[in-house]
Amino acid sequence: MKKVTAYIHIENDLKPVEGYLLDSSNVIYIGEGSLKVVGVKLEDLIYKQNTGHIILGEVPKGISEELLVQSVINRLKNTTMYDYLLNSWDRAEDIDFDFIY
């Protein structure tokens, strides 16, 4: 897990955040008390946001950031979308997927 600085759109400006590179085009980081995933593109050796955020949930106070991120990454890698939707998704909110056939 590589720690990186990514430039994220915050209040109509690109601002640096510290996060962890999930793969060549995604960074996971804590922002505004939530764990978020954002798509990035490497431009001139700088990771810049190029997609919207996925908010995974609120971050408990006092938890180790690295431990939390590693735990979430492990869970995501070992959970199918089927299992996630049926067993973990907060059904208090509607979800809308655009399926491509």
C-alpha atoms as a PDB file:
ATOM      1  CA  MET A   1       0.000   0.000   0.000  1.00  0.00           C
ATOM      2  CA  LYS A   2       1.704   3.143  -1.228  1.00  0.00           C
ATOM      3  CA  LYS A   3       0.962   6.477   0.451  1.00  0.00           C
ATOM      4  CA  VAL A   4       0.562   9.326  -2.053  1.00  0.00           C
ATOM      5  CA  THR A   5      -0.550  12.929  -2.308  1.00  0.00           C
ATOM      6  CA  ALA A   6      -3.493  13.413  -4.652  1.00  0.00           C
ATOM      7  CA  TYR A   7      -5.019  16.693  -5.763  1.00  0.00           C
ATOM      8  CA  ILE A   8      -8.773  16.611  -5.222  1.00  0.00           C
ATOM      9  CA  HIS A   9     -11.480  19.109  -6.192  1.00  0.00           C
ATOM     10  CA  ILE A  10     -12.564  20.818  -2.953  1.00  0.00           C
ATOM     11  CA  GLU A  11     -14.577  24.031  -3.043  1.00  0.00           C
ATOM     12  CA  ASN A  12     -13.819  24.648  -6.748  1.00  0.00           C
ATOM     13  CA  ASP A  13     -10.077  24.262  -6.275  1.00  0.00           C
ATOM     14  CA  LEU A  14      -7.543  21.424  -6.459  1.00  0.00           C
ATOM     15  CA  LYS A  15      -6.255  20.741  -2.949  1.00  0.00           C
ATOM     16  CA  PRO A  16      -3.749  18.097  -1.798  1.00  0.00           C
ATOM     17  CA  VAL A  17      -4.892  15.155   0.322  1.00  0.00           C
ATOM     18  CA  GLU A  18      -2.849  12.274   1.690  1.00  0.00           C
ATOM     19  CA  GLY A  19      -4.165   8.867   0.735  1.00  0.00           C
ATOM     20  CA  TYR A  20      -3.256   5.392  -0.423  1.00  0.00           C
ATOM     21  CA  LEU A  21      -2.989   4.233  -4.010  1.00  0.00           C
ATOM     22  CA  LEU A  22      -5.393   1.330  -4.596  1.00  0.00           C
ATOM     23  CA  ASP A  23      -4.248   0.811  -8.176  1.00  0.00           C
ATOM     24  CA  SER A  24      -2.997   3.009 -10.993  1.00  0.00           C
ATOM     25  CA  SER A  25      -6.218   5.036 -11.121  1.00  0.00           C
ATOM     26  CA  ASN A  26      -7.794   5.093  -7.632  1.00  0.00           C
ATOM     27  CA  VAL A  27      -6.859   6.627  -4.284  1.00  0.00           C
ATOM     28  CA  ILE A  28      -8.524   5.924  -0.936  1.00  0.00           C
ATOM     29  CA  TYR A  29      -8.347   8.683   1.670  1.00  0.00           C
ATOM     30  CA  ILE A  30     -10.043  10.209   4.699  1.00  0.00           C
ATOM     31  CA  GLY A  31     -11.723  13.534   4.087  1.00  0.00           C
ATOM     32  CA  GLU A  32     -14.295  15.443   6.121  1.00  0.00           C
ATOM     33  CA  GLY A  33     -14.582  12.515   8.543  1.00  0.00           C
ATOM     34  CA  SER A  34     -15.392   9.956   5.844  1.00  0.00           C
ATOM     35  CA  LEU A  35     -13.423   7.273   4.039  1.00  0.00           C
ATOM     36  CA  LYS A  36     -13.541   8.023   0.312  1.00  0.00           C
ATOM     37  CA  VAL A  37     -12.337   6.530  -2.949  1.00  0.00           C
ATOM     38  CA  VAL A  38     -11.658   8.823  -5.884  1.00  0.00           C
ATOM     39  CA  GLY A  39     -10.438   8.193  -9.396  1.00  0.00           C
ATOM     40  CA  VAL A  40      -7.159   9.843 -10.313  1.00  0.00           C
ATOM     41  CA  LYS A  41      -4.922  10.250 -13.319  1.00  0.00           C
ATOM     42  CA  LEU A  42      -1.156  10.591 -13.118  1.00  0.00           C
ATOM     43  CA  GLU A  43      -0.162  13.804 -14.908  1.00  0.00           C
ATOM     44  CA  ASP A  44       3.395  15.151 -14.736  1.00  0.00           C
ATOM     45  CA  LEU A  45       4.116  12.922 -11.697  1.00  0.00           C
ATOM     46  CA  ILE A  46       1.045  14.320  -9.864  1.00  0.00           C
ATOM     47  CA  TYR A  47      -2.135  12.363  -9.112  1.00  0.00           C
ATOM     48  CA  LYS A  48      -5.147  14.510 -10.049  1.00  0.00           C
ATOM     49  CA  GLN A  49      -8.827  13.691  -9.523  1.00  0.00           C
ATOM     50  CA  ASN A  50     -10.641  12.685 -12.696  1.00  0.00           C
ATOM     51  CA  THR A  51     -13.863  11.083 -11.345  1.00  0.00           C
ATOM     52  CA  GLY A  52     -16.346  11.619  -8.541  1.00  0.00           C
ATOM     53  CA  HIS A  53     -16.011  10.230  -5.032  1.00  0.00           C
ATOM     54  CA  ILE A  54     -17.369   7.044  -3.552  1.00  0.00           C
ATOM     55  CA  ILE A  55     -18.046   7.637   0.136  1.00  0.00           C
ATOM     56  CA  LEU A  56     -17.548   4.351   1.986  1.00  0.00           C
ATOM     57  CA  GLY A  57     -18.569   5.559   5.442  1.00  0.00           C
ATOM     58  CA  GLU A  58     -17.734   7.612   8.491  1.00  0.00           C
ATOM     59  CA  VAL A  59     -14.366   7.146  10.162  1.00  0.00           C
ATOM     60  CA  PRO A  60     -14.421   6.335  13.900  1.00  0.00           C
ATOM     61  CA  LYS A  61     -12.404   8.762  16.014  1.00  0.00           C
ATOM     62  CA  GLY A  62      -9.051   7.516  17.249  1.00  0.00           C
ATOM     63  CA  ILE A  63      -8.711   4.651  14.750  1.00  0.00           C
ATOM     64  CA  SER A  64      -5.426   4.064  12.942  1.00  0.00           C
ATOM     65  CA  GLU A  65      -5.822   5.403   9.406  1.00  0.00           C
ATOM     66  CA  GLU A  66      -3.509   2.798   7.898  1.00  0.00           C
ATOM     67  CA  LEU A  67      -5.202  -0.062   9.774  1.00  0.00           C
ATOM     68  CA  LEU A  68      -8.653   1.152   8.686  1.00  0.00           C
ATOM     69  CA  VAL A  69      -7.640   1.520   5.044  1.00  0.00           C
ATOM     70  CA  GLN A  70      -5.973  -1.909   4.947  1.00  0.00           C
ATOM     71  CA  SER A  71      -9.000  -3.523   6.593  1.00  0.00           C
ATOM     72  CA  VAL A  72     -11.422  -1.927   4.129  1.00  0.00           C
ATOM     73  CA  ILE A  73      -9.252  -2.842   1.134  1.00  0.00           C
ATOM     74  CA  ASN A  74      -9.081  -6.465   2.289  1.00  0.00           C
ATOM     75  CA  ARG A  75     -12.852  -6.601   2.758  1.00  0.00           C
ATOM     76  CA  LEU A  76     -13.563  -5.039  -0.642  1.00  0.00           C
ATOM     77  CA  LYS A  77     -11.198  -7.426  -2.409  1.00  0.00           C
ATOM     78  CA  ASN A  78     -12.852 -10.425  -0.737  1.00  0.00           C
ATOM     79  CA  THR A  79     -16.510  -9.433  -1.137  1.00  0.00           C
ATOM     80  CA  THR A  80     -18.541  -9.891  -4.289  1.00  0.00           C
ATOM     81  CA  MET A  81     -20.939  -7.173  -5.411  1.00  0.00           C
ATOM     82  CA  TYR A  82     -23.772  -9.654  -4.845  1.00  0.00           C
ATOM     83  CA  ASP A  83     -22.759 -10.225  -1.214  1.00  0.00           C
ATOM     84  CA  TYR A  84     -22.234  -6.528  -0.635  1.00  0.00           C
ATOM     85  CA  LEU A  85     -25.622  -5.468  -1.983  1.00  0.00           C
ATOM     86  CA  LEU A  86     -27.550  -8.147  -0.103  1.00  0.00           C
ATOM     87  CA  ASN A  87     -25.631  -8.193   3.169  1.00  0.00           C
ATOM     88  CA  SER A  88     -23.870  -4.855   3.670  1.00  0.00           C
ATOM     89  CA  TRP A  89     -25.605  -2.091   1.709  1.00  0.00           C
ATOM     90  CA  ASP A  90     -27.507   0.430   3.832  1.00  0.00           C
ATOM     91  CA  ARG A  91     -30.994  -0.041   2.429  1.00  0.00           C
ATOM     92  CA  ALA A  92     -32.232   3.135   4.053  1.00  0.00           C
ATOM     93  CA  GLU A  93     -31.157   4.842   0.809  1.00  0.00           C
ATOM     94  CA  ASP A  94     -32.137   3.977  -2.753  1.00  0.00           C
ATOM     95  CA  ILE A  95     -29.473   2.938  -5.222  1.00  0.00           C
ATOM     96  CA  ASP A  96     -29.533   3.492  -8.957  1.00  0.00           C
ATOM     97  CA  PHE A  97     -27.181   1.671 -11.301  1.00  0.00           C
ATOM     98  CA  ASP A  98     -26.984   2.279 -15.033  1.00  0.00           C
ATOM     99  CA  PHE A  99     -26.538  -1.182 -16.505  1.00  0.00           C
ATOM    100  CA  ILE A 100     -25.005  -1.639 -19.928  1.00  0.00           C
ATOM    101  CA  TYR A 101     -26.224  -4.659 -21.850  1.00  0.00           C
END
